[in-house]
mmCIF file of all heavy atoms, coordinates in Angstrom:
data_MODEL
# 
_entry.id   MODEL 
# 
loop_
_atom_site.group_PDB 
_atom_site.id 
_atom_site.type_symbol 
_atom_site.label_atom_id 
_atom_site.label_alt_id 
_atom_site.label_comp_id 
_atom_site.label_asym_id 
_atom_site.label_entity_id 
_atom_site.label_seq_id 
_atom_site.pdbx_PDB_ins_code 
_atom_site.Cartn_x 
_atom_site.Cartn_y 
_atom_site.Cartn_z 
_atom_site.occupancy 
_atom_site.B_iso_or_equiv 
_atom_site.pdbx_formal_charge 
_atom_site.auth_seq_id 
_atom_site.auth_comp_id 
_atom_site.auth_asym_id 
_atom_site.auth_atom_id 
_atom_site.pdbx_PDB_model_num 
ATOM 1   N N   . PHE A 1 1  ? -61.008 20.917 19.726 1.00 0.00 ? 1  PHE A N   1 
ATOM 2   C CA  . PHE A 1 1  ? -61.071 21.755 20.930 1.00 0.00 ? 1  PHE A CA  1 
ATOM 3   C C   . PHE A 1 1  ? -60.555 21.030 22.176 1.00 0.00 ? 1  PHE A C   1 
ATOM 4   O O   . PHE A 1 1  ? -60.667 21.554 23.282 1.00 0.00 ? 1  PHE A O   1 
ATOM 5   C CB  . PHE A 1 1  ? -62.509 22.222 21.176 1.00 0.00 ? 1  PHE A CB  1 
ATOM 6   C CG  . PHE A 1 1  ? -62.997 23.248 20.184 1.00 0.00 ? 1  PHE A CG  1 
ATOM 7   C CD1 . PHE A 1 1  ? -64.048 22.952 19.332 1.00 0.00 ? 1  PHE A CD1 1 
ATOM 8   C CD2 . PHE A 1 1  ? -62.405 24.493 20.107 1.00 0.00 ? 1  PHE A CD2 1 
ATOM 9   C CE1 . PHE A 1 1  ? -64.514 23.886 18.421 1.00 0.00 ? 1  PHE A CE1 1 
ATOM 10  C CE2 . PHE A 1 1  ? -62.862 25.443 19.188 1.00 0.00 ? 1  PHE A CE2 1 
ATOM 11  C CZ  . PHE A 1 1  ? -63.915 25.133 18.342 1.00 0.00 ? 1  PHE A CZ  1 
ATOM 12  N N   . LYS A 1 2  ? -60.048 19.805 21.979 1.00 0.00 ? 2  LYS A N   1 
ATOM 13  C CA  . LYS A 1 2  ? -59.524 19.005 23.090 1.00 0.00 ? 2  LYS A CA  1 
ATOM 14  C C   . LYS A 1 2  ? -60.586 18.782 24.170 1.00 0.00 ? 2  LYS A C   1 
ATOM 15  O O   . LYS A 1 2  ? -60.347 18.955 25.369 1.00 0.00 ? 2  LYS A O   1 
ATOM 16  C CB  . LYS A 1 2  ? -58.268 19.652 23.675 1.00 0.00 ? 2  LYS A CB  1 
ATOM 17  C CG  . LYS A 1 2  ? -57.111 19.711 22.684 1.00 0.00 ? 2  LYS A CG  1 
ATOM 18  C CD  . LYS A 1 2  ? -55.881 20.375 23.300 1.00 0.00 ? 2  LYS A CD  1 
ATOM 19  C CE  . LYS A 1 2  ? -54.671 20.266 22.371 1.00 0.00 ? 2  LYS A CE  1 
ATOM 20  N NZ  . LYS A 1 2  ? -54.912 20.798 21.017 1.00 0.00 ? 2  LYS A NZ  1 
ATOM 21  N N   . ILE A 1 3  ? -61.770 18.394 23.716 1.00 0.00 ? 3  ILE A N   1 
ATOM 22  C CA  . ILE A 1 3  ? -62.864 18.092 24.629 1.00 0.00 ? 3  ILE A CA  1 
ATOM 23  C C   . ILE A 1 3  ? -62.781 16.620 25.016 1.00 0.00 ? 3  ILE A C   1 
ATOM 24  O O   . ILE A 1 3  ? -62.854 15.734 24.163 1.00 0.00 ? 3  ILE A O   1 
ATOM 25  C CB  . ILE A 1 3  ? -64.232 18.388 23.967 1.00 0.00 ? 3  ILE A CB  1 
ATOM 26  C CG1 . ILE A 1 3  ? -64.354 19.887 23.666 1.00 0.00 ? 3  ILE A CG1 1 
ATOM 27  C CG2 . ILE A 1 3  ? -65.381 17.921 24.860 1.00 0.00 ? 3  ILE A CG2 1 
ATOM 28  C CD1 . ILE A 1 3  ? -65.609 20.258 22.895 1.00 0.00 ? 3  ILE A CD1 1 
ATOM 29  N N   . GLU A 1 4  ? -62.633 16.370 26.286 1.00 0.00 ? 4  GLU A N   1 
ATOM 30  C CA  . GLU A 1 4  ? -62.570 14.999 26.772 1.00 0.00 ? 4  GLU A CA  1 
ATOM 31  C C   . GLU A 1 4  ? -63.984 14.488 27.053 1.00 0.00 ? 4  GLU A C   1 
ATOM 32  O O   . GLU A 1 4  ? -64.868 15.230 27.454 1.00 0.00 ? 4  GLU A O   1 
ATOM 33  C CB  . GLU A 1 4  ? -61.733 14.932 28.052 1.00 0.00 ? 4  GLU A CB  1 
ATOM 34  C CG  . GLU A 1 4  ? -60.287 15.376 27.845 1.00 0.00 ? 4  GLU A CG  1 
ATOM 35  C CD  . GLU A 1 4  ? -59.501 15.378 29.149 1.00 0.00 ? 4  GLU A CD  1 
ATOM 36  O OE1 . GLU A 1 4  ? -60.120 15.075 30.195 1.00 0.00 ? 4  GLU A OE1 1 
ATOM 37  O OE2 . GLU A 1 4  ? -58.302 15.686 29.118 1.00 0.00 ? 4  GLU A OE2 1 
ATOM 38  N N   . TYR A 1 5  ? -64.170 13.204 26.825 1.00 0.00 ? 5  TYR A N   1 
ATOM 39  C CA  . TYR A 1 5  ? -65.479 12.629 27.066 1.00 0.00 ? 5  TYR A CA  1 
ATOM 40  C C   . TYR A 1 5  ? -65.347 11.150 27.386 1.00 0.00 ? 5  TYR A C   1 
ATOM 41  O O   . TYR A 1 5  ? -64.342 10.520 27.086 1.00 0.00 ? 5  TYR A O   1 
ATOM 42  C CB  . TYR A 1 5  ? -66.392 12.821 25.857 1.00 0.00 ? 5  TYR A CB  1 
ATOM 43  C CG  . TYR A 1 5  ? -65.857 12.210 24.578 1.00 0.00 ? 5  TYR A CG  1 
ATOM 44  C CD1 . TYR A 1 5  ? -66.113 10.871 24.261 1.00 0.00 ? 5  TYR A CD1 1 
ATOM 45  C CD2 . TYR A 1 5  ? -65.081 12.964 23.702 1.00 0.00 ? 5  TYR A CD2 1 
ATOM 46  C CE1 . TYR A 1 5  ? -65.602 10.315 23.100 1.00 0.00 ? 5  TYR A CE1 1 
ATOM 47  C CE2 . TYR A 1 5  ? -64.577 12.407 22.543 1.00 0.00 ? 5  TYR A CE2 1 
ATOM 48  C CZ  . TYR A 1 5  ? -64.845 11.091 22.240 1.00 0.00 ? 5  TYR A CZ  1 
ATOM 49  O OH  . TYR A 1 5  ? -64.347 10.539 21.096 1.00 0.00 ? 5  TYR A OH  1 
ATOM 50  N N   . SER A 1 6  ? -66.388 10.614 27.996 1.00 0.00 ? 6  SER A N   1 
ATOM 51  C CA  . SER A 1 6  ? -66.449 9.188  28.306 1.00 0.00 ? 6  SER A CA  1 
ATOM 52  C C   . SER A 1 6  ? -67.235 8.488  27.220 1.00 0.00 ? 6  SER A C   1 
ATOM 53  O O   . SER A 1 6  ? -68.410 8.808  27.004 1.00 0.00 ? 6  SER A O   1 
ATOM 54  C CB  . SER A 1 6  ? -67.127 8.981  29.665 1.00 0.00 ? 6  SER A CB  1 
ATOM 55  O OG  . SER A 1 6  ? -67.395 7.623  29.866 1.00 0.00 ? 6  SER A OG  1 
ATOM 56  N N   . GLY A 1 7  ? -66.600 7.557  26.538 1.00 0.00 ? 7  GLY A N   1 
ATOM 57  C CA  . GLY A 1 7  ? -67.268 6.879  25.432 1.00 0.00 ? 7  GLY A CA  1 
ATOM 58  C C   . GLY A 1 7  ? -68.546 6.183  25.831 1.00 0.00 ? 7  GLY A C   1 
ATOM 59  O O   . GLY A 1 7  ? -69.518 6.162  25.088 1.00 0.00 ? 7  GLY A O   1 
ATOM 60  N N   . SER A 1 8  ? -68.589 5.598  27.043 1.00 0.00 ? 8  SER A N   1 
ATOM 61  C CA  . SER A 1 8  ? -69.785 4.867  27.461 1.00 0.00 ? 8  SER A CA  1 
ATOM 62  C C   . SER A 1 8  ? -70.968 5.794  27.724 1.00 0.00 ? 8  SER A C   1 
ATOM 63  O O   . SER A 1 8  ? -72.117 5.393  27.612 1.00 0.00 ? 8  SER A O   1 
ATOM 64  C CB  . SER A 1 8  ? -69.487 4.050  28.724 1.00 0.00 ? 8  SER A CB  1 
ATOM 65  O OG  . SER A 1 8  ? -69.088 4.911  29.781 1.00 0.00 ? 8  SER A OG  1 
ATOM 66  N N   . GLU A 1 9  ? -70.694 7.041  28.089 1.00 0.00 ? 9  GLU A N   1 
ATOM 67  C CA  . GLU A 1 9  ? -71.766 7.978  28.402 1.00 0.00 ? 9  GLU A CA  1 
ATOM 68  C C   . GLU A 1 9  ? -72.103 8.884  27.222 1.00 0.00 ? 9  GLU A C   1 
ATOM 69  O O   . GLU A 1 9  ? -73.056 9.648  27.287 1.00 0.00 ? 9  GLU A O   1 
ATOM 70  C CB  . GLU A 1 9  ? -71.369 8.848  29.592 1.00 0.00 ? 9  GLU A CB  1 
ATOM 71  C CG  . GLU A 1 9  ? -71.139 8.078  30.878 1.00 0.00 ? 9  GLU A CG  1 
ATOM 72  C CD  . GLU A 1 9  ? -70.680 8.966  32.007 1.00 0.00 ? 9  GLU A CD  1 
ATOM 73  O OE1 . GLU A 1 9  ? -70.519 10.182 31.762 1.00 0.00 ? 9  GLU A OE1 1 
ATOM 74  O OE2 . GLU A 1 9  ? -70.485 8.458  33.117 1.00 0.00 ? 9  GLU A OE2 1 
ATOM 75  N N   . LEU A 1 10 ? -71.346 8.795  26.178 1.00 0.00 ? 10 LEU A N   1 
ATOM 76  C CA  . LEU A 1 10 ? -71.527 9.699  25.045 1.00 0.00 ? 10 LEU A CA  1 
ATOM 77  C C   . LEU A 1 10 ? -72.667 9.266  24.136 1.00 0.00 ? 10 LEU A C   1 
ATOM 78  O O   . LEU A 1 10 ? -73.176 10.057 23.360 1.00 0.00 ? 10 LEU A O   1 
ATOM 79  C CB  . LEU A 1 10 ? -70.224 9.792  24.249 1.00 0.00 ? 10 LEU A CB  1 
ATOM 80  C CG  . LEU A 1 10 ? -70.152 10.849 23.153 1.00 0.00 ? 10 LEU A CG  1 
ATOM 81  C CD1 . LEU A 1 10 ? -70.345 12.248 23.730 1.00 0.00 ? 10 LEU A CD1 1 
ATOM 82  C CD2 . LEU A 1 10 ? -68.819 10.761 22.419 1.00 0.00 ? 10 LEU A CD2 1 
ATOM 83  N N   . TYR A 1 11 ? -73.086 8.026  24.228 1.00 0.00 ? 11 TYR A N   1 
ATOM 84  C CA  . TYR A 1 11 ? -74.132 7.516  23.351 1.00 0.00 ? 11 TYR A CA  1 
ATOM 85  C C   . TYR A 1 11 ? -75.343 7.076  24.164 1.00 0.00 ? 11 TYR A C   1 
ATOM 86  O O   . TYR A 1 11 ? -75.229 6.640  25.312 1.00 0.00 ? 11 TYR A O   1 
ATOM 87  C CB  . TYR A 1 11 ? -73.608 6.323  22.534 1.00 0.00 ? 11 TYR A CB  1 
ATOM 88  C CG  . TYR A 1 11 ? -72.569 6.719  21.514 1.00 0.00 ? 11 TYR A CG  1 
ATOM 89  C CD1 . TYR A 1 11 ? -71.214 6.635  21.809 1.00 0.00 ? 11 TYR A CD1 1 
ATOM 90  C CD2 . TYR A 1 11 ? -72.946 7.195  20.264 1.00 0.00 ? 11 TYR A CD2 1 
ATOM 91  C CE1 . TYR A 1 11 ? -70.257 7.011  20.888 1.00 0.00 ? 11 TYR A CE1 1 
ATOM 92  C CE2 . TYR A 1 11 ? -71.998 7.573  19.331 1.00 0.00 ? 11 TYR A CE2 1 
ATOM 93  C CZ  . TYR A 1 11 ? -70.656 7.480  19.645 1.00 0.00 ? 11 TYR A CZ  1 
ATOM 94  O OH  . TYR A 1 11 ? -69.720 7.858  18.717 1.00 0.00 ? 11 TYR A OH  1 
ATOM 95  N N   . GLU A 1 12 ? -76.507 7.193  23.535 1.00 0.00 ? 12 GLU A N   1 
ATOM 96  C CA  . GLU A 1 12 ? -77.727 6.737  24.181 1.00 0.00 ? 12 GLU A CA  1 
ATOM 97  C C   . GLU A 1 12 ? -77.703 5.224  24.344 1.00 0.00 ? 12 GLU A C   1 
ATOM 98  O O   . GLU A 1 12 ? -77.096 4.512  23.547 1.00 0.00 ? 12 GLU A O   1 
ATOM 99  C CB  . GLU A 1 12 ? -78.951 7.148  23.352 1.00 0.00 ? 12 GLU A CB  1 
ATOM 100 C CG  . GLU A 1 12 ? -79.188 8.645  23.320 1.00 0.00 ? 12 GLU A CG  1 
ATOM 101 C CD  . GLU A 1 12 ? -80.424 9.012  22.526 1.00 0.00 ? 12 GLU A CD  1 
ATOM 102 O OE1 . GLU A 1 12 ? -80.924 8.141  21.791 1.00 0.00 ? 12 GLU A OE1 1 
ATOM 103 O OE2 . GLU A 1 12 ? -80.881 10.161 22.648 1.00 0.00 ? 12 GLU A OE2 1 
ATOM 104 N N   . LYS A 1 13 ? -78.403 4.756  25.386 1.00 0.00 ? 13 LYS A N   1 
ATOM 105 C CA  . LYS A 1 13 ? -78.475 3.316  25.635 1.00 0.00 ? 13 LYS A CA  1 
ATOM 106 C C   . LYS A 1 13 ? -79.929 2.855  25.603 1.00 0.00 ? 13 LYS A C   1 
ATOM 107 O O   . LYS A 1 13 ? -80.864 3.656  25.605 1.00 0.00 ? 13 LYS A O   1 
ATOM 108 C CB  . LYS A 1 13 ? -77.843 2.983  26.988 1.00 0.00 ? 13 LYS A CB  1 
ATOM 109 C CG  . LYS A 1 13 ? -76.335 3.187  27.022 1.00 0.00 ? 13 LYS A CG  1 
ATOM 110 C CD  . LYS A 1 13 ? -75.744 2.726  28.346 1.00 0.00 ? 13 LYS A CD  1 
ATOM 111 C CE  . LYS A 1 13 ? -74.232 2.844  28.341 1.00 0.00 ? 13 LYS A CE  1 
ATOM 112 N NZ  . LYS A 1 13 ? -73.638 2.364  29.614 1.00 0.00 ? 13 LYS A NZ  1 
ATOM 113 N N   . ASN A 1 14 ? -80.105 1.543  25.572 1.00 0.00 ? 14 ASN A N   1 
ATOM 114 C CA  . ASN A 1 14 ? -81.432 0.943  25.598 1.00 0.00 ? 14 ASN A CA  1 
ATOM 115 C C   . ASN A 1 14 ? -82.153 1.352  26.882 1.00 0.00 ? 14 ASN A C   1 
ATOM 116 O O   . ASN A 1 14 ? -81.630 1.167  27.988 1.00 0.00 ? 14 ASN A O   1 
ATOM 117 C CB  . ASN A 1 14 ? -81.309 -0.580 25.526 1.00 0.00 ? 14 ASN A CB  1 
ATOM 118 C CG  . ASN A 1 14 ? -82.637 -1.244 25.232 1.00 0.00 ? 14 ASN A CG  1 
ATOM 119 O OD1 . ASN A 1 14 ? -83.630 -0.970 25.888 1.00 0.00 ? 14 ASN A OD1 1 
ATOM 120 N ND2 . ASN A 1 14 ? -82.648 -2.119 24.230 1.00 0.00 ? 14 ASN A ND2 1 
ATOM 121 N N   . LEU A 1 15 ? -83.362 1.921  26.734 1.00 0.00 ? 15 LEU A N   1 
ATOM 122 C CA  . LEU A 1 15 ? -84.099 2.409  27.898 1.00 0.00 ? 15 LEU A CA  1 
ATOM 123 C C   . LEU A 1 15 ? -84.540 1.275  28.821 1.00 0.00 ? 15 LEU A C   1 
ATOM 124 O O   . LEU A 1 15 ? -84.798 1.494  30.002 1.00 0.00 ? 15 LEU A O   1 
ATOM 125 C CB  . LEU A 1 15 ? -85.326 3.202  27.435 1.00 0.00 ? 15 LEU A CB  1 
ATOM 126 C CG  . LEU A 1 15 ? -85.049 4.528  26.715 1.00 0.00 ? 15 LEU A CG  1 
ATOM 127 C CD1 . LEU A 1 15 ? -86.353 5.148  26.234 1.00 0.00 ? 15 LEU A CD1 1 
ATOM 128 C CD2 . LEU A 1 15 ? -84.323 5.494  27.641 1.00 0.00 ? 15 LEU A CD2 1 
ATOM 129 N N   . TYR A 1 16 ? -84.638 0.067  28.275 1.00 0.00 ? 16 TYR A N   1 
ATOM 130 C CA  . TYR A 1 16 ? -85.166 -1.044 29.065 1.00 0.00 ? 16 TYR A CA  1 
ATOM 131 C C   . TYR A 1 16 ? -84.097 -1.711 29.930 1.00 0.00 ? 16 TYR A C   1 
ATOM 132 O O   . TYR A 1 16 ? -84.331 -2.032 31.088 1.00 0.00 ? 16 TYR A O   1 
ATOM 133 C CB  . TYR A 1 16 ? -85.815 -2.073 28.132 1.00 0.00 ? 16 TYR A CB  1 
ATOM 134 C CG  . TYR A 1 16 ? -86.985 -1.512 27.380 1.00 0.00 ? 16 TYR A CG  1 
ATOM 135 C CD1 . TYR A 1 16 ? -86.853 -1.119 26.050 1.00 0.00 ? 16 TYR A CD1 1 
ATOM 136 C CD2 . TYR A 1 16 ? -88.229 -1.341 27.994 1.00 0.00 ? 16 TYR A CD2 1 
ATOM 137 C CE1 . TYR A 1 16 ? -87.925 -0.586 25.354 1.00 0.00 ? 16 TYR A CE1 1 
ATOM 138 C CE2 . TYR A 1 16 ? -89.303 -0.807 27.310 1.00 0.00 ? 16 TYR A CE2 1 
ATOM 139 C CZ  . TYR A 1 16 ? -89.155 -0.429 25.987 1.00 0.00 ? 16 TYR A CZ  1 
ATOM 140 O OH  . TYR A 1 16 ? -90.213 0.113  25.301 1.00 0.00 ? 16 TYR A OH  1 
ATOM 141 N N   . ASP A 1 17 ? -82.900 -1.937 29.369 1.00 0.00 ? 17 ASP A N   1 
ATOM 142 C CA  . ASP A 1 17 ? -81.883 -2.651 30.148 1.00 0.00 ? 17 ASP A CA  1 
ATOM 143 C C   . ASP A 1 17 ? -80.527 -1.945 30.179 1.00 0.00 ? 17 ASP A C   1 
ATOM 144 O O   . ASP A 1 17 ? -79.530 -2.503 30.621 1.00 0.00 ? 17 ASP A O   1 
ATOM 145 C CB  . ASP A 1 17 ? -81.704 -4.070 29.608 1.00 0.00 ? 17 ASP A CB  1 
ATOM 146 C CG  . ASP A 1 17 ? -81.290 -4.084 28.136 1.00 0.00 ? 17 ASP A CG  1 
ATOM 147 O OD1 . ASP A 1 17 ? -80.970 -3.010 27.590 1.00 0.00 ? 17 ASP A OD1 1 
ATOM 148 O OD2 . ASP A 1 17 ? -81.301 -5.175 27.532 1.00 0.00 ? 17 ASP A OD2 1 
ATOM 149 N N   . ASN A 1 18 ? -80.492 -0.676 29.672 1.00 0.00 ? 18 ASN A N   1 
ATOM 150 C CA  . ASN A 1 18 ? -79.271 0.144  29.689 1.00 0.00 ? 18 ASN A CA  1 
ATOM 151 C C   . ASN A 1 18 ? -78.129 -0.476 28.880 1.00 0.00 ? 18 ASN A C   1 
ATOM 152 O O   . ASN A 1 18 ? -76.956 -0.173 29.093 1.00 0.00 ? 18 ASN A O   1 
ATOM 153 C CB  . ASN A 1 18 ? -78.790 0.369  31.125 1.00 0.00 ? 18 ASN A CB  1 
ATOM 154 C CG  . ASN A 1 18 ? -77.972 1.642  31.261 1.00 0.00 ? 18 ASN A CG  1 
ATOM 155 O OD1 . ASN A 1 18 ? -78.265 2.650  30.604 1.00 0.00 ? 18 ASN A OD1 1 
ATOM 156 N ND2 . ASN A 1 18 ? -76.945 1.624  32.092 1.00 0.00 ? 18 ASN A ND2 1 
ATOM 157 N N   . SER A 1 19 ? -78.490 -1.332 27.917 1.00 0.00 ? 19 SER A N   1 
ATOM 158 C CA  . SER A 1 19 ? -77.476 -1.957 27.059 1.00 0.00 ? 19 SER A CA  1 
ATOM 159 C C   . SER A 1 19 ? -77.174 -1.063 25.863 1.00 0.00 ? 19 SER A C   1 
ATOM 160 O O   . SER A 1 19 ? -77.993 -0.217 25.479 1.00 0.00 ? 19 SER A O   1 
ATOM 161 C CB  . SER A 1 19 ? -77.967 -3.324 26.573 1.00 0.00 ? 19 SER A CB  1 
ATOM 162 O OG  . SER A 1 19 ? -79.140 -3.170 25.784 1.00 0.00 ? 19 SER A OG  1 
ATOM 163 N N   . PRO A 1 20 ? -75.999 -1.223 25.232 1.00 0.00 ? 20 PRO A N   1 
ATOM 164 C CA  . PRO A 1 20 ? -75.663 -0.409 24.054 1.00 0.00 ? 20 PRO A CA  1 
ATOM 165 C C   . PRO A 1 20 ? -76.628 -0.674 22.897 1.00 0.00 ? 20 PRO A C   1 
ATOM 166 O O   . PRO A 1 20 ? -77.096 -1.800 22.705 1.00 0.00 ? 20 PRO A O   1 
ATOM 167 C CB  . PRO A 1 20 ? -74.244 -0.876 23.707 1.00 0.00 ? 20 PRO A CB  1 
ATOM 168 C CG  . PRO A 1 20 ? -73.712 -1.466 24.964 1.00 0.00 ? 20 PRO A CG  1 
ATOM 169 C CD  . PRO A 1 20 ? -74.887 -2.089 25.650 1.00 0.00 ? 20 PRO A CD  1 
ATOM 170 N N   . LEU A 1 21 ? -76.922 0.365  22.132 1.00 0.00 ? 21 LEU A N   1 
ATOM 171 C CA  . LEU A 1 21 ? -77.777 0.237  20.956 1.00 0.00 ? 21 LEU A CA  1 
ATOM 172 C C   . LEU A 1 21 ? -76.926 -0.075 19.733 1.00 0.00 ? 21 LEU A C   1 
ATOM 173 O O   . LEU A 1 21 ? -75.736 0.226  19.691 1.00 0.00 ? 21 LEU A O   1 
ATOM 174 C CB  . LEU A 1 21 ? -78.566 1.527  20.736 1.00 0.00 ? 21 LEU A CB  1 
ATOM 175 C CG  . LEU A 1 21 ? -79.546 1.924  21.849 1.00 0.00 ? 21 LEU A CG  1 
ATOM 176 C CD1 . LEU A 1 21 ? -80.066 3.340  21.611 1.00 0.00 ? 21 LEU A CD1 1 
ATOM 177 C CD2 . LEU A 1 21 ? -80.707 0.947  21.917 1.00 0.00 ? 21 LEU A CD2 1 
ATOM 178 N N   . THR A 1 22 ? -77.557 -0.660 18.703 1.00 0.00 ? 22 THR A N   1 
ATOM 179 C CA  . THR A 1 22 ? -76.824 -1.030 17.489 1.00 0.00 ? 22 THR A CA  1 
ATOM 180 C C   . THR A 1 22 ? -76.324 0.212  16.750 1.00 0.00 ? 22 THR A C   1 
ATOM 181 O O   . THR A 1 22 ? -75.159 0.303  16.370 1.00 0.00 ? 22 THR A O   1 
ATOM 182 C CB  . THR A 1 22 ? -77.722 -1.862 16.561 1.00 0.00 ? 22 THR A CB  1 
ATOM 183 O OG1 . THR A 1 22 ? -78.212 -2.994 17.274 1.00 0.00 ? 22 THR A OG1 1 
ATOM 184 C CG2 . THR A 1 22 ? -76.936 -2.330 15.342 1.00 0.00 ? 22 THR A CG2 1 
ATOM 185 N N   . ASN A 1 23 ? -77.204 1.191  16.521 1.00 0.00 ? 23 ASN A N   1 
ATOM 186 C CA  . ASN A 1 23 ? -76.833 2.446  15.858 1.00 0.00 ? 23 ASN A CA  1 
ATOM 187 C C   . ASN A 1 23 ? -77.244 3.619  16.753 1.00 0.00 ? 23 ASN A C   1 
ATOM 188 O O   . ASN A 1 23 ? -78.227 4.312  16.463 1.00 0.00 ? 23 ASN A O   1 
ATOM 189 C CB  . ASN A 1 23 ? -77.503 2.549  14.486 1.00 0.00 ? 23 ASN A CB  1 
ATOM 190 C CG  . ASN A 1 23 ? -77.005 1.504  13.522 1.00 0.00 ? 23 ASN A CG  1 
ATOM 191 O OD1 . ASN A 1 23 ? -75.811 1.434  13.234 1.00 0.00 ? 23 ASN A OD1 1 
ATOM 192 N ND2 . ASN A 1 23 ? -77.919 0.682  13.005 1.00 0.00 ? 23 ASN A ND2 1 
ATOM 193 N N   . PRO A 1 24 ? -76.515 3.834  17.821 1.00 0.00 ? 24 PRO A N   1 
ATOM 194 C CA  . PRO A 1 24 ? -76.959 4.832  18.803 1.00 0.00 ? 24 PRO A CA  1 
ATOM 195 C C   . PRO A 1 24 ? -76.721 6.266  18.343 1.00 0.00 ? 24 PRO A C   1 
ATOM 196 O O   . PRO A 1 24 ? -75.790 6.553  17.591 1.00 0.00 ? 24 PRO A O   1 
ATOM 197 C CB  . PRO A 1 24 ? -76.092 4.512  20.014 1.00 0.00 ? 24 PRO A CB  1 
ATOM 198 C CG  . PRO A 1 24 ? -74.830 3.969  19.434 1.00 0.00 ? 24 PRO A CG  1 
ATOM 199 C CD  . PRO A 1 24 ? -75.252 3.191  18.213 1.00 0.00 ? 24 PRO A CD  1 
ATOM 200 N N   . HIS A 1 25 ? -77.607 7.156  18.801 1.00 0.00 ? 25 HIS A N   1 
ATOM 201 C CA  . HIS A 1 25 ? -77.376 8.586  18.652 1.00 0.00 ? 25 HIS A CA  1 
ATOM 202 C C   . HIS A 1 25 ? -76.456 9.042  19.781 1.00 0.00 ? 25 HIS A C   1 
ATOM 203 O O   . HIS A 1 25 ? -76.317 8.372  20.809 1.00 0.00 ? 25 HIS A O   1 
ATOM 204 C CB  . HIS A 1 25 ? -78.693 9.358  18.742 1.00 0.00 ? 25 HIS A CB  1 
ATOM 205 C CG  . HIS A 1 25 ? -79.582 9.159  17.568 1.00 0.00 ? 25 HIS A CG  1 
ATOM 206 N ND1 . HIS A 1 25 ? -80.892 9.563  17.554 1.00 0.00 ? 25 HIS A ND1 1 
ATOM 207 C CD2 . HIS A 1 25 ? -79.355 8.606  16.354 1.00 0.00 ? 25 HIS A CD2 1 
ATOM 208 C CE1 . HIS A 1 25 ? -81.442 9.261  16.391 1.00 0.00 ? 25 HIS A CE1 1 
ATOM 209 N NE2 . HIS A 1 25 ? -80.529 8.685  15.655 1.00 0.00 ? 25 HIS A NE2 1 
ATOM 210 N N   . LEU A 1 26 ? -75.873 10.202 19.599 1.00 0.00 ? 26 LEU A N   1 
ATOM 211 C CA  . LEU A 1 26 ? -75.156 10.818 20.704 1.00 0.00 ? 26 LEU A CA  1 
ATOM 212 C C   . LEU A 1 26 ? -76.105 11.092 21.856 1.00 0.00 ? 26 LEU A C   1 
ATOM 213 O O   . LEU A 1 26 ? -77.291 11.374 21.652 1.00 0.00 ? 26 LEU A O   1 
ATOM 214 C CB  . LEU A 1 26 ? -74.528 12.143 20.252 1.00 0.00 ? 26 LEU A CB  1 
ATOM 215 C CG  . LEU A 1 26 ? -73.327 12.077 19.309 1.00 0.00 ? 26 LEU A CG  1 
ATOM 216 C CD1 . LEU A 1 26 ? -73.010 13.476 18.787 1.00 0.00 ? 26 LEU A CD1 1 
ATOM 217 C CD2 . LEU A 1 26 ? -72.116 11.489 20.007 1.00 0.00 ? 26 LEU A CD2 1 
ATOM 218 N N   . ASN A 1 27 ? -75.595 10.997 23.052 1.00 0.00 ? 27 ASN A N   1 
ATOM 219 C CA  . ASN A 1 27 ? -76.341 11.438 24.218 1.00 0.00 ? 27 ASN A CA  1 
ATOM 220 C C   . ASN A 1 27 ? -76.158 12.953 24.288 1.00 0.00 ? 27 ASN A C   1 
ATOM 221 O O   . ASN A 1 27 ? -75.120 13.451 24.732 1.00 0.00 ? 27 ASN A O   1 
ATOM 222 C CB  . ASN A 1 27 ? -75.802 10.765 25.481 1.00 0.00 ? 27 ASN A CB  1 
ATOM 223 C CG  . ASN A 1 27 ? -76.560 11.173 26.733 1.00 0.00 ? 27 ASN A CG  1 
ATOM 224 O OD1 . ASN A 1 27 ? -77.107 12.265 26.817 1.00 0.00 ? 27 ASN A OD1 1 
ATOM 225 N ND2 . ASN A 1 27 ? -76.579 10.287 27.714 1.00 0.00 ? 27 ASN A ND2 1 
# 
């Protein structure tokens, strides 16, 4: 569908320090 997205915002991050998770779910 040609949906553009930001890779950094597309996945959930660590709630404590906002760092990337090892196996993140989609945001």
